[in-house]
PDB file of all heavy atoms in Angstrom:
ATOM      1  N   ILE A   1      54.060  40.736  94.558  1.00  0.00           N
ATOM      2  CA  ILE A   1      55.167  41.653  94.329  1.00  0.00           C
ATOM      3  C   ILE A   1      54.701  42.948  93.654  1.00  0.00           C
ATOM      4  O   ILE A   1      55.039  44.044  94.093  1.00  0.00           O
ATOM      5  CB  ILE A   1      56.253  40.988  93.470  1.00  0.00           C
ATOM      6  CG1 ILE A   1      56.696  39.664  94.105  1.00  0.00           C
ATOM      7  CG2 ILE A   1      57.435  41.923  93.267  1.00  0.00           C
ATOM      8  CD1 ILE A   1      57.283  39.818  95.495  1.00  0.00           C
ATOM      9  N   LYS A   2      53.905  42.801  92.623  1.00  0.00           N
ATOM     10  CA  LYS A   2      53.513  43.976  91.843  1.00  0.00           C
ATOM     11  C   LYS A   2      52.308  43.652  90.983  1.00  0.00           C
ATOM     12  O   LYS A   2      52.118  42.527  90.536  1.00  0.00           O
ATOM     13  CB  LYS A   2      54.681  44.409  90.947  1.00  0.00           C
ATOM     14  CG  LYS A   2      54.435  45.638  90.099  1.00  0.00           C
ATOM     15  CD  LYS A   2      54.390  46.908  90.911  1.00  0.00           C
ATOM     16  CE  LYS A   2      54.252  48.119  90.025  1.00  0.00           C
ATOM     17  NZ  LYS A   2      54.226  49.381  90.783  1.00  0.00           N
ATOM     18  N   SER A   3      51.456  44.671  90.763  1.00  0.00           N
ATOM     19  CA  SER A   3      50.298  44.524  89.876  1.00  0.00           C
ATOM     20  C   SER A   3      50.200  45.722  88.943  1.00  0.00           C
ATOM     21  O   SER A   3      50.692  46.807  89.248  1.00  0.00           O
ATOM     22  CB  SER A   3      49.000  44.411  90.676  1.00  0.00           C
ATOM     23  OG  SER A   3      48.942  43.217  91.405  1.00  0.00           O
ATOM     24  N   SER A   4      49.549  45.514  87.837  1.00  0.00           N
ATOM     25  CA  SER A   4      49.237  46.605  86.919  1.00  0.00           C
ATOM     26  C   SER A   4      47.965  46.238  86.161  1.00  0.00           C
ATOM     27  O   SER A   4      47.447  45.126  86.299  1.00  0.00           O
ATOM     28  CB  SER A   4      50.391  46.862  85.954  1.00  0.00           C
ATOM     29  OG  SER A   4      50.172  48.044  85.219  1.00  0.00           O
ATOM     30  N   LYS A   5      47.452  47.190  85.363  1.00  0.00           N
ATOM     31  CA  LYS A   5      46.196  46.968  84.663  1.00  0.00           C
ATOM     32  C   LYS A   5      46.343  47.181  83.163  1.00  0.00           C
ATOM     33  O   LYS A   5      47.053  48.077  82.712  1.00  0.00           O
ATOM     34  CB  LYS A   5      45.111  47.903  85.190  1.00  0.00           C
ATOM     35  CG  LYS A   5      44.680  47.629  86.597  1.00  0.00           C
ATOM     36  CD  LYS A   5      43.454  48.439  86.972  1.00  0.00           C
ATOM     37  CE  LYS A   5      43.701  49.931  86.899  1.00  0.00           C
ATOM     38  NZ  LYS A   5      42.523  50.700  87.345  1.00  0.00           N
ATOM     39  N   LEU A   6      45.631  46.334  82.433  1.00  0.00           N
ATOM     40  CA  LEU A   6      45.476  46.518  80.998  1.00  0.00           C
ATOM     41  C   LEU A   6      44.132  47.205  80.798  1.00  0.00           C
ATOM     42  O   LEU A   6      43.096  46.671  81.191  1.00  0.00           O
ATOM     43  CB  LEU A   6      45.491  45.157  80.284  1.00  0.00           C
ATOM     44  CG  LEU A   6      45.280  45.166  78.768  1.00  0.00           C
ATOM     45  CD1 LEU A   6      46.539  45.655  78.071  1.00  0.00           C
ATOM     46  CD2 LEU A   6      44.927  43.771  78.274  1.00  0.00           C
ATOM     47  N   ASN A   7      44.154  48.398  80.233  1.00  0.00           N
ATOM     48  CA  ASN A   7      42.918  49.147  80.102  1.00  0.00           C
ATOM     49  C   ASN A   7      42.134  48.757  78.860  1.00  0.00           C
ATOM     50  O   ASN A   7      42.578  47.968  78.040  1.00  0.00           O
ATOM     51  CB  ASN A   7      43.215  50.648  80.110  1.00  0.00           C
ATOM     52  CG  ASN A   7      43.622  51.130  81.486  1.00  0.00           C
ATOM     53  OD1 ASN A   7      43.135  50.633  82.498  1.00  0.00           O
ATOM     54  ND2 ASN A   7      44.550  52.083  81.539  1.00  0.00           N
ATOM     55  N   SER A   8      40.962  49.343  78.721  1.00  0.00           N
ATOM     56  CA  SER A   8      40.036  48.960  77.664  1.00  0.00           C
ATOM     57  C   SER A   8      40.595  49.196  76.268  1.00  0.00           C
ATOM     58  O   SER A   8      41.581  49.889  76.075  1.00  0.00           O
ATOM     59  CB  SER A   8      38.727  49.737  77.826  1.00  0.00           C
ATOM     60  OG  SER A   8      38.981  51.124  77.802  1.00  0.00           O
ATOM     61  N   TYR A   9      39.881  48.631  75.261  1.00  0.00           N
ATOM     62  CA  TYR A   9      40.284  48.603  73.874  1.00  0.00           C
ATOM     63  C   TYR A   9      41.613  47.852  73.736  1.00  0.00           C
ATOM     64  O   TYR A   9      42.006  47.101  74.593  1.00  0.00           O
ATOM     65  CB  TYR A   9      40.350  50.014  73.275  1.00  0.00           C
ATOM     66  CG  TYR A   9      39.053  50.752  73.410  1.00  0.00           C
ATOM     67  CD1 TYR A   9      38.967  51.927  74.143  1.00  0.00           C
ATOM     68  CD2 TYR A   9      37.891  50.239  72.853  1.00  0.00           C
ATOM     69  CE1 TYR A   9      37.763  52.591  74.286  1.00  0.00           C
ATOM     70  CE2 TYR A   9      36.686  50.893  72.988  1.00  0.00           C
ATOM     71  CZ  TYR A   9      36.631  52.072  73.707  1.00  0.00           C
ATOM     72  OH  TYR A   9      35.441  52.706  73.852  1.00  0.00           O
ATOM     73  N   HIS A  10      42.317  48.078  72.685  1.00  0.00           N
ATOM     74  CA  HIS A  10      43.574  47.359  72.472  1.00  0.00           C
ATOM     75  C   HIS A  10      44.712  48.153  73.090  1.00  0.00           C
ATOM     76  O   HIS A  10      44.944  49.307  72.735  1.00  0.00           O
ATOM     77  CB  HIS A  10      43.813  47.168  70.985  1.00  0.00           C
ATOM     78  CG  HIS A  10      43.016  46.041  70.423  1.00  0.00           C
ATOM     79  ND1 HIS A  10      42.059  45.381  71.113  1.00  0.00           N
ATOM     80  CD2 HIS A  10      43.049  45.454  69.230  1.00  0.00           C
ATOM     81  CE1 HIS A  10      41.536  44.450  70.362  1.00  0.00           C
ATOM     82  NE2 HIS A  10      42.116  44.477  69.205  1.00  0.00           N
ATOM     83  N   SER A  11      45.417  47.542  73.996  1.00  0.00           N
ATOM     84  CA  SER A  11      46.524  48.221  74.655  1.00  0.00           C
ATOM     85  C   SER A  11      47.566  47.196  75.054  1.00  0.00           C
ATOM     86  O   SER A  11      47.405  45.995  74.843  1.00  0.00           O
ATOM     87  CB  SER A  11      46.026  48.995  75.882  1.00  0.00           C
ATOM     88  OG  SER A  11      45.354  48.131  76.774  1.00  0.00           O
ATOM     89  N   LYS A  12      48.659  47.684  75.630  1.00  0.00           N
ATOM     90  CA  LYS A  12      49.741  46.803  76.065  1.00  0.00           C
ATOM     91  C   LYS A  12      50.345  47.374  77.333  1.00  0.00           C
ATOM     92  O   LYS A  12      50.550  48.581  77.454  1.00  0.00           O
ATOM     93  CB  LYS A  12      50.810  46.687  74.977  1.00  0.00           C
ATOM     94  CG  LYS A  12      51.946  45.728  75.342  1.00  0.00           C
ATOM     95  CD  LYS A  12      52.828  45.432  74.138  1.00  0.00           C
ATOM     96  CE  LYS A  12      53.785  46.535  73.838  1.00  0.00           C
ATOM     97  NZ  LYS A  12      54.762  46.137  72.783  1.00  0.00           N
ATOM     98  N   VAL A  13      50.587  46.506  78.302  1.00  0.00           N
ATOM     99  CA  VAL A  13      51.234  46.918  79.537  1.00  0.00           C
ATOM    100  C   VAL A  13      52.508  46.098  79.699  1.00  0.00           C
ATOM    101  O   VAL A  13      52.524  44.889  79.435  1.00  0.00           O
ATOM    102  CB  VAL A  13      50.295  46.758  80.752  1.00  0.00           C
ATOM    103  CG1 VAL A  13      49.891  45.319  80.967  1.00  0.00           C
ATOM    104  CG2 VAL A  13      50.933  47.338  82.000  1.00  0.00           C
ATOM    105  N   THR A  14      53.588  46.771  80.099  1.00  0.00           N
ATOM    106  CA  THR A  14      54.880  46.109  80.269  1.00  0.00           C
ATOM    107  C   THR A  14      55.377  46.337  81.691  1.00  0.00           C
ATOM    108  O   THR A  14      55.485  47.484  82.140  1.00  0.00           O
ATOM    109  CB  THR A  14      55.914  46.657  79.275  1.00  0.00           C
ATOM    110  OG1 THR A  14      55.437  46.445  77.946  1.00  0.00           O
ATOM    111  CG2 THR A  14      57.247  45.948  79.442  1.00  0.00           C
ATOM    112  N   LEU A  15      55.690  45.261  82.405  1.00  0.00           N
ATOM    113  CA  LEU A  15      56.298  45.334  83.733  1.00  0.00           C
ATOM    114  C   LEU A  15      57.771  44.979  83.582  1.00  0.00           C
ATOM    115  O   LEU A  15      58.104  43.907  83.075  1.00  0.00           O
ATOM    116  CB  LEU A  15      55.619  44.353  84.694  1.00  0.00           C
ATOM    117  CG  LEU A  15      54.102  44.516  84.904  1.00  0.00           C
ATOM    118  CD1 LEU A  15      53.609  43.516  85.928  1.00  0.00           C
ATOM    119  CD2 LEU A  15      53.753  45.918  85.316  1.00  0.00           C
ATOM    120  N   THR A  16      58.626  45.875  84.023  1.00  0.00           N
ATOM    121  CA  THR A  16      60.064  45.680  83.849  1.00  0.00           C
ATOM    122  C   THR A  16      60.775  45.741  85.193  1.00  0.00           C
ATOM    123  O   THR A  16      60.538  46.668  85.984  1.00  0.00           O
ATOM    124  CB  THR A  16      60.652  46.772  82.931  1.00  0.00           C
ATOM    125  OG1 THR A  16      59.927  46.772  81.702  1.00  0.00           O
ATOM    126  CG2 THR A  16      62.115  46.502  82.641  1.00  0.00           C
ATOM    127  N   SER A  17      61.638  44.784  85.471  1.00  0.00           N
ATOM    128  CA  SER A  17      62.380  44.786  86.731  1.00  0.00           C
ATOM    129  C   SER A  17      63.408  45.910  86.746  1.00  0.00           C
ATOM    130  O   SER A  17      64.001  46.233  85.727  1.00  0.00           O
ATOM    131  CB  SER A  17      63.065  43.434  86.956  1.00  0.00           C
ATOM    132  OG  SER A  17      64.032  43.197  85.949  1.00  0.00           O
ATOM    133  N   ASN A  18      63.574  46.512  87.902  1.00  0.00           N
ATOM    134  CA  ASN A  18      64.556  47.591  88.034  1.00  0.00           C
ATOM    135  C   ASN A  18      65.982  47.066  88.185  1.00  0.00           C
ATOM    136  O   ASN A  18      66.941  47.831  88.199  1.00  0.00           O
ATOM    137  CB  ASN A  18      64.222  48.468  89.242  1.00  0.00           C
ATOM    138  CG  ASN A  18      62.954  49.261  89.012  1.00  0.00           C
ATOM    139  OD1 ASN A  18      62.603  49.548  87.874  1.00  0.00           O
ATOM    140  ND2 ASN A  18      62.267  49.603  90.086  1.00  0.00           N
ATOM    141  N   GLY A  19      66.081  45.789  88.336  1.00  0.00           N
ATOM    142  CA  GLY A  19      67.384  45.151  88.468  1.00  0.00           C
ATOM    143  C   GLY A  19      67.242  43.670  88.227  1.00  0.00           C
ATOM    144  O   GLY A  19      66.189  43.185  87.794  1.00  0.00           O
ATOM    145  N   LYS A  20      68.272  42.920  88.541  1.00  0.00           N
ATOM    146  CA  LYS A  20      68.204  41.475  88.356  1.00  0.00           C
ATOM    147  C   LYS A  20      67.387  40.835  89.471  1.00  0.00           C
ATOM    148  O   LYS A  20      67.465  41.228  90.634  1.00  0.00           O
ATOM    149  CB  LYS A  20      69.604  40.875  88.327  1.00  0.00           C
ATOM    150  CG  LYS A  20      70.419  41.284  87.112  1.00  0.00           C
ATOM    151  CD  LYS A  20      71.784  40.611  87.101  1.00  0.00           C
ATOM    152  CE  LYS A  20      72.571  40.987  85.852  1.00  0.00           C
ATOM    153  NZ  LYS A  20      73.896  40.318  85.824  1.00  0.00           N
ATOM    154  N   LEU A  21      66.565  39.875  89.080  1.00  0.00           N
ATOM    155  CA  LEU A  21      65.729  39.159  90.034  1.00  0.00           C
ATOM    156  C   LEU A  21      66.454  37.915  90.546  1.00  0.00           C
ATOM    157  O   LEU A  21      67.235  37.288  89.822  1.00  0.00           O
ATOM    158  CB  LEU A  21      64.410  38.738  89.387  1.00  0.00           C
ATOM    159  CG  LEU A  21      63.556  39.848  88.768  1.00  0.00           C
ATOM    160  CD1 LEU A  21      62.272  39.264  88.247  1.00  0.00           C
ATOM    161  CD2 LEU A  21      63.302  40.961  89.759  1.00  0.00           C
ATOM    162  N   ALA A  22      66.144  37.577  91.790  1.00  0.00           N
ATOM    163  CA  ALA A  22      66.725  36.368  92.377  1.00  0.00           C
ATOM    164  C   ALA A  22      66.185  35.128  91.679  1.00  0.00           C
ATOM    165  O   ALA A  22      65.077  35.132  91.130  1.00  0.00           O
ATOM    166  CB  ALA A  22      66.413  36.317  93.862  1.00  0.00           C
ATOM    167  N   LYS A  23      66.988  34.066  91.677  1.00  0.00           N
ATOM    168  CA  LYS A  23      66.501  32.840  91.062  1.00  0.00           C
ATOM    169  C   LYS A  23      65.335  32.283  91.864  1.00  0.00           C
ATOM    170  O   LYS A  23      65.182  32.539  93.058  1.00  0.00           O
ATOM    171  CB  LYS A  23      67.617  31.810  90.942  1.00  0.00           C
ATOM    172  CG  LYS A  23      68.153  31.268  92.260  1.00  0.00           C
ATOM    173  CD  LYS A  23      69.240  30.237  92.004  1.00  0.00           C
ATOM    174  CE  LYS A  23      69.767  29.645  93.317  1.00  0.00           C
ATOM    175  NZ  LYS A  23      70.796  28.612  93.056  1.00  0.00           N
ATOM    176  N   GLY A  24      64.480  31.538  91.184  1.00  0.00           N
ATOM    177  CA  GLY A  24      63.315  30.966  91.838  1.00  0.00           C
ATOM    178  C   GLY A  24      62.128  30.913  90.895  1.00  0.00           C
ATOM    179  O   GLY A  24      62.225  31.244  89.707  1.00  0.00           O
ATOM    180  N   THR A  25      60.969  30.502  91.425  1.00  0.00           N
ATOM    181  CA  THR A  25      59.747  30.386  90.625  1.00  0.00           C
ATOM    182  C   THR A  25      58.871  31.605  90.846  1.00  0.00           C
ATOM    183  O   THR A  25      58.618  32.022  91.976  1.00  0.00           O
ATOM    184  CB  THR A  25      58.964  29.116  90.999  1.00  0.00           C
ATOM    185  OG1 THR A  25      59.801  27.981  90.753  1.00  0.00           O
ATOM    186  CG2 THR A  25      57.699  28.997  90.173  1.00  0.00           C
ATOM    187  N   TYR A  26      58.362  32.160  89.743  1.00  0.00           N
ATOM    188  CA  TYR A  26      57.494  33.332  89.778  1.00  0.00           C
ATOM    189  C   TYR A  26      56.150  32.973  89.139  1.00  0.00           C
ATOM    190  O   TYR A  26      56.081  32.160  88.218  1.00  0.00           O
ATOM    191  CB  TYR A  26      58.155  34.493  89.043  1.00  0.00           C
ATOM    192  CG  TYR A  26      59.398  34.975  89.734  1.00  0.00           C
ATOM    193  CD1 TYR A  26      60.633  34.365  89.473  1.00  0.00           C
ATOM    194  CD2 TYR A  26      59.347  36.005  90.656  1.00  0.00           C
ATOM    195  CE1 TYR A  26      61.781  34.783  90.114  1.00  0.00           C
ATOM    196  CE2 TYR A  26      60.495  36.440  91.308  1.00  0.00           C
ATOM    197  CZ  TYR A  26      61.699  35.827  91.040  1.00  0.00           C
ATOM    198  OH  TYR A  26      62.837  36.247  91.688  1.00  0.00           O
ATOM    199  N   TYR A  27      55.117  33.609  89.651  1.00  0.00           N
ATOM    200  CA  TYR A  27      53.764  33.323  89.182  1.00  0.00           C
ATOM    201  C   TYR A  27      53.141  34.583  88.588  1.00  0.00           C
ATOM    202  O   TYR A  27      53.291  35.684  89.121  1.00  0.00           O
ATOM    203  CB  TYR A  27      52.889  32.820  90.324  1.00  0.00           C
ATOM    204  CG  TYR A  27      53.331  31.485  90.873  1.00  0.00           C
ATOM    205  CD1 TYR A  27      54.291  31.413  91.885  1.00  0.00           C
ATOM    206  CD2 TYR A  27      52.794  30.303  90.380  1.00  0.00           C
ATOM    207  CE1 TYR A  27      54.714  30.203  92.383  1.00  0.00           C
ATOM    208  CE2 TYR A  27      53.208  29.075  90.877  1.00  0.00           C
ATOM    209  CZ  TYR A  27      54.161  29.025  91.874  1.00  0.00           C
ATOM    210  OH  TYR A  27      54.576  27.819  92.369  1.00  0.00           O
ATOM    211  N   ILE A  28      52.412  34.386  87.509  1.00  0.00           N
ATOM    212  CA  ILE A  28      51.668  35.476  86.871  1.00  0.00           C
ATOM    213  C   ILE A  28      50.177  35.168  87.025  1.00  0.00           C
ATOM    214  O   ILE A  28      49.704  34.118  86.594  1.00  0.00           O
ATOM    215  CB  ILE A  28      52.009  35.601  85.377  1.00  0.00           C
ATOM    216  CG1 ILE A  28      53.507  35.826  85.191  1.00  0.00           C
ATOM    217  CG2 ILE A  28      51.219  36.728  84.728  1.00  0.00           C
ATOM    218  CD1 ILE A  28      53.951  35.782  83.737  1.00  0.00           C
ATOM    219  N   LYS A  29      49.462  36.078  87.659  1.00  0.00           N
ATOM    220  CA  LYS A  29      48.018  35.934  87.811  1.00  0.00           C
ATOM    221  C   LYS A  29      47.329  36.992  86.951  1.00  0.00           C
ATOM    222  O   LYS A  29      47.624  38.188  87.057  1.00  0.00           O
ATOM    223  CB  LYS A  29      47.605  36.121  89.270  1.00  0.00           C
ATOM    224  CG  LYS A  29      46.092  36.033  89.500  1.00  0.00           C
ATOM    225  CD  LYS A  29      45.751  36.354  90.954  1.00  0.00           C
ATOM    226  CE  LYS A  29      44.245  36.295  91.202  1.00  0.00           C
ATOM    227  NZ  LYS A  29      43.894  36.668  92.601  1.00  0.00           N
ATOM    228  N   ILE A  30      46.390  36.557  86.106  1.00  0.00           N
ATOM    229  CA  ILE A  30      45.622  37.473  85.267  1.00  0.00           C
ATOM    230  C   ILE A  30      44.163  37.366  85.691  1.00  0.00           C
ATOM    231  O   ILE A  30      43.580  36.275  85.680  1.00  0.00           O
ATOM    232  CB  ILE A  30      45.800  37.153  83.776  1.00  0.00           C
ATOM    233  CG1 ILE A  30      47.294  37.276  83.414  1.00  0.00           C
ATOM    234  CG2 ILE A  30      44.963  38.070  82.914  1.00  0.00           C
ATOM    235  CD1 ILE A  30      47.621  36.844  82.011  1.00  0.00           C
ATOM    236  N   SER A  31      43.561  38.492  86.064  1.00  0.00           N
ATOM    237  CA  SER A  31      42.222  38.474  86.662  1.00  0.00           C
ATOM    238  C   SER A  31      41.442  39.728  86.295  1.00  0.00           C
ATOM    239  O   SER A  31      41.988  40.700  85.765  1.00  0.00           O
ATOM    240  CB  SER A  31      42.352  38.366  88.187  1.00  0.00           C
ATOM    241  OG  SER A  31      43.071  39.476  88.704  1.00  0.00           O
ATOM    242  N   ARG A  32      40.184  39.715  86.599  1.00  0.00           N
ATOM    243  CA  ARG A  32      39.366  40.903  86.400  1.00  0.00           C
ATOM    244  C   ARG A  32      39.651  41.913  87.518  1.00  0.00           C
ATOM    245  O   ARG A  32      39.982  41.525  88.646  1.00  0.00           O
ATOM    246  CB  ARG A  32      37.880  40.533  86.386  1.00  0.00           C
ATOM    247  CG  ARG A  32      37.367  39.868  87.655  1.00  0.00           C
ATOM    248  CD  ARG A  32      35.916  39.458  87.490  1.00  0.00           C
ATOM    249  NE  ARG A  32      35.351  38.961  88.763  1.00  0.00           N
ATOM    250  CZ  ARG A  32      34.079  38.608  88.921  1.00  0.00           C
ATOM    251  NH1 ARG A  32      33.246  38.686  87.894  1.00  0.00           N
ATOM    252  NH2 ARG A  32      33.633  38.185  90.079  1.00  0.00           N
ATOM    253  N   THR A  33      39.496  43.198  87.220  1.00  0.00           N
ATOM    254  CA  THR A  33      39.723  44.211  88.245  1.00  0.00           C
ATOM    255  C   THR A  33      38.507  44.396  89.140  1.00  0.00           C
ATOM    256  O   THR A  33      38.627  44.783  90.291  1.00  0.00           O
ATOM    257  CB  THR A  33      40.079  45.563  87.606  1.00  0.00           C
ATOM    258  OG1 THR A  33      39.051  45.918  86.672  1.00  0.00           O
ATOM    259  CG2 THR A  33      41.408  45.475  86.879  1.00  0.00           C
ATOM    260  N   ASP A  34      37.330  44.132  88.607  1.00  0.00           N
ATOM    261  CA  ASP A  34      36.109  44.122  89.417  1.00  0.00           C
ATOM    262  C   ASP A  34      35.103  43.204  88.737  1.00  0.00           C
ATOM    263  O   ASP A  34      35.390  42.609  87.695  1.00  0.00           O
ATOM    264  CB  ASP A  34      35.548  45.531  89.642  1.00  0.00           C
ATOM    265  CG  ASP A  34      35.116  46.231  88.352  1.00  0.00           C
ATOM    266  OD1 ASP A  34      34.613  45.558  87.426  1.00  0.00           O
ATOM    267  OD2 ASP A  34      35.274  47.461  88.276  1.00  0.00           O
ATOM    268  N   LYS A  35      33.915  43.097  89.291  1.00  0.00           N
ATOM    269  CA  LYS A  35      32.943  42.109  88.806  1.00  0.00           C
ATOM    270  C   LYS A  35      32.420  42.418  87.408  1.00  0.00           C
ATOM    271  O   LYS A  35      31.773  41.568  86.783  1.00  0.00           O
ATOM    272  CB  LYS A  35      31.780  41.993  89.772  1.00  0.00           C
ATOM    273  CG  LYS A  35      30.905  43.244  89.874  1.00  0.00           C
ATOM    274  CD  LYS A  35      29.753  43.002  90.829  1.00  0.00           C
ATOM    275  CE  LYS A  35      28.827  44.208  90.904  1.00  0.00           C
ATOM    276  NZ  LYS A  35      27.682  43.949  91.819  1.00  0.00           N
ATOM    277  N   TYR A  36      32.708  43.605  86.878  1.00  0.00           N
ATOM    278  CA  TYR A  36      32.215  43.973  85.558  1.00  0.00           C
ATOM    279  C   TYR A  36      33.282  43.899  84.468  1.00  0.00           C
ATOM    280  O   TYR A  36      33.027  44.256  83.320  1.00  0.00           O
ATOM    281  CB  TYR A  36      31.628  45.384  85.593  1.00  0.00           C
ATOM    282  CG  TYR A  36      30.315  45.475  86.341  1.00  0.00           C
ATOM    283  CD1 TYR A  36      30.021  46.594  87.118  1.00  0.00           C
ATOM    284  CD2 TYR A  36      29.379  44.452  86.282  1.00  0.00           C
ATOM    285  CE1 TYR A  36      28.816  46.683  87.807  1.00  0.00           C
ATOM    286  CE2 TYR A  36      28.178  44.528  86.967  1.00  0.00           C
ATOM    287  CZ  TYR A  36      27.907  45.647  87.725  1.00  0.00           C
ATOM    288  OH  TYR A  36      26.713  45.740  88.403  1.00  0.00           O
ATOM    289  N   SER A  37      34.469  43.450  84.809  1.00  0.00           N
ATOM    290  CA  SER A  37      35.558  43.392  83.826  1.00  0.00           C
ATOM    291  C   SER A  37      35.597  42.045  83.107  1.00  0.00           C
ATOM    292  O   SER A  37      35.364  40.997  83.717  1.00  0.00           O
ATOM    293  CB  SER A  37      36.906  43.623  84.513  1.00  0.00           C
ATOM    294  OG  SER A  37      36.975  44.908  85.094  1.00  0.00           O
ATOM    295  N   SER A  38      35.902  42.091  81.837  1.00  0.00           N
ATOM    296  CA  SER A  38      36.135  40.867  81.062  1.00  0.00           C
ATOM    297  C   SER A  38      36.889  41.246  79.797  1.00  0.00           C
ATOM    298  O   SER A  38      37.061  42.425  79.481  1.00  0.00           O
ATOM    299  CB  SER A  38      34.812  40.164  80.713  1.00  0.00           C
ATOM    300  OG  SER A  38      34.053  40.938  79.785  1.00  0.00           O
ATOM    301  N   GLY A  39      37.334  40.245  79.059  1.00  0.00           N
ATOM    302  CA  GLY A  39      38.058  40.504  77.822  1.00  0.00           C
ATOM    303  C   GLY A  39      39.012  39.381  77.489  1.00  0.00           C
ATOM    304  O   GLY A  39      38.845  38.246  77.945  1.00  0.00           O
ATOM    305  N   TYR A  40      40.023  39.678  76.701  1.00  0.00           N
ATOM    306  CA  TYR A  40      41.011  38.673  76.331  1.00  0.00           C
ATOM    307  C   TYR A  40      42.400  39.284  76.400  1.00  0.00           C
ATOM    308  O   TYR A  40      42.580  40.511  76.435  1.00  0.00           O
ATOM    309  CB  TYR A  40      40.738  38.103  74.947  1.00  0.00           C
ATOM    310  CG  TYR A  40      41.130  39.012  73.808  1.00  0.00           C
ATOM    311  CD1 TYR A  40      42.379  38.898  73.202  1.00  0.00           C
ATOM    312  CD2 TYR A  40      40.246  39.982  73.322  1.00  0.00           C
ATOM    313  CE1 TYR A  40      42.745  39.730  72.161  1.00  0.00           C
ATOM    314  CE2 TYR A  40      40.599  40.815  72.285  1.00  0.00           C
ATOM    315  CZ  TYR A  40      41.849  40.688  71.712  1.00  0.00           C
ATOM    316  OH  TYR A  40      42.215  41.519  70.682  1.00  0.00           O
TER     317      TYR A  40
END
């Protein structure tokens, strides 16, 4: 549905729905952006 990135150092990213979402199960995947990315 949608992706965004958390950039280096300490930061925060917020994804907000533009309206109400349909009922159901949603999945959150957290991954590296390329082979050199890592962190917490």
